[in-house]
């Protein structure tokens, strides 16, 4: 928890308990489903939980927010964000049944009341949300194509509704079609660990 508390020192006692429990139960469940590589699981706090929470450094979801996490895998970024914003509503979606089953087990063990897990391909979803979030799912143009119908226009939150994607590496070519419309935020401006040096948040408002 040291790293999470370093960057989010104002967590409530309940949020701290949730994150501590998440770091205990996910390695155990991961032995069965392997949603995180075995060499990467030792970096769970930094590369998965804190990486997911980087969205909370830039965006705040209030009690009316409907957030859809597509391609959630082991529950990232959705579960850490659901812990951070307990009044918002989160739907976590993955097309692979064993992954979404694991997500459901995590949600149940944590007792999170604001999370729903759905087994479906994102392009076949028939849902509406204020925000879609994702982490390293697919190229941004394809992600936008598949999810734009899911996002309702509006700006009742602190920011306009839209697509929020955690990305890494050289994004120049990938984002070229959107260069006048997307906003990019470097995670290294908040987090000093080397893992975050090439990581970005890409935001496209509806």
Foldseek 3Di string as FASTA:
>chain_A
DVVVCVQVVPDDPLLVVLVVVCLVVPVVLCVVVVLDPPVCNVVCVPPFLVLQCLVVVPFDDALDFEEEEEQCRQNPPNPSVCSVHVNHAYEYEHQDDVRLVNNVVSCVVSVRPRYHYYHDHLLPDDAAGQEYEYEPDDQPVVVCVSCVVRHDFDQPGVGTRWYKYKDFDDCCVSCVVPVVFKDKDQSCVRDVDPVRRGIIIIIGHD
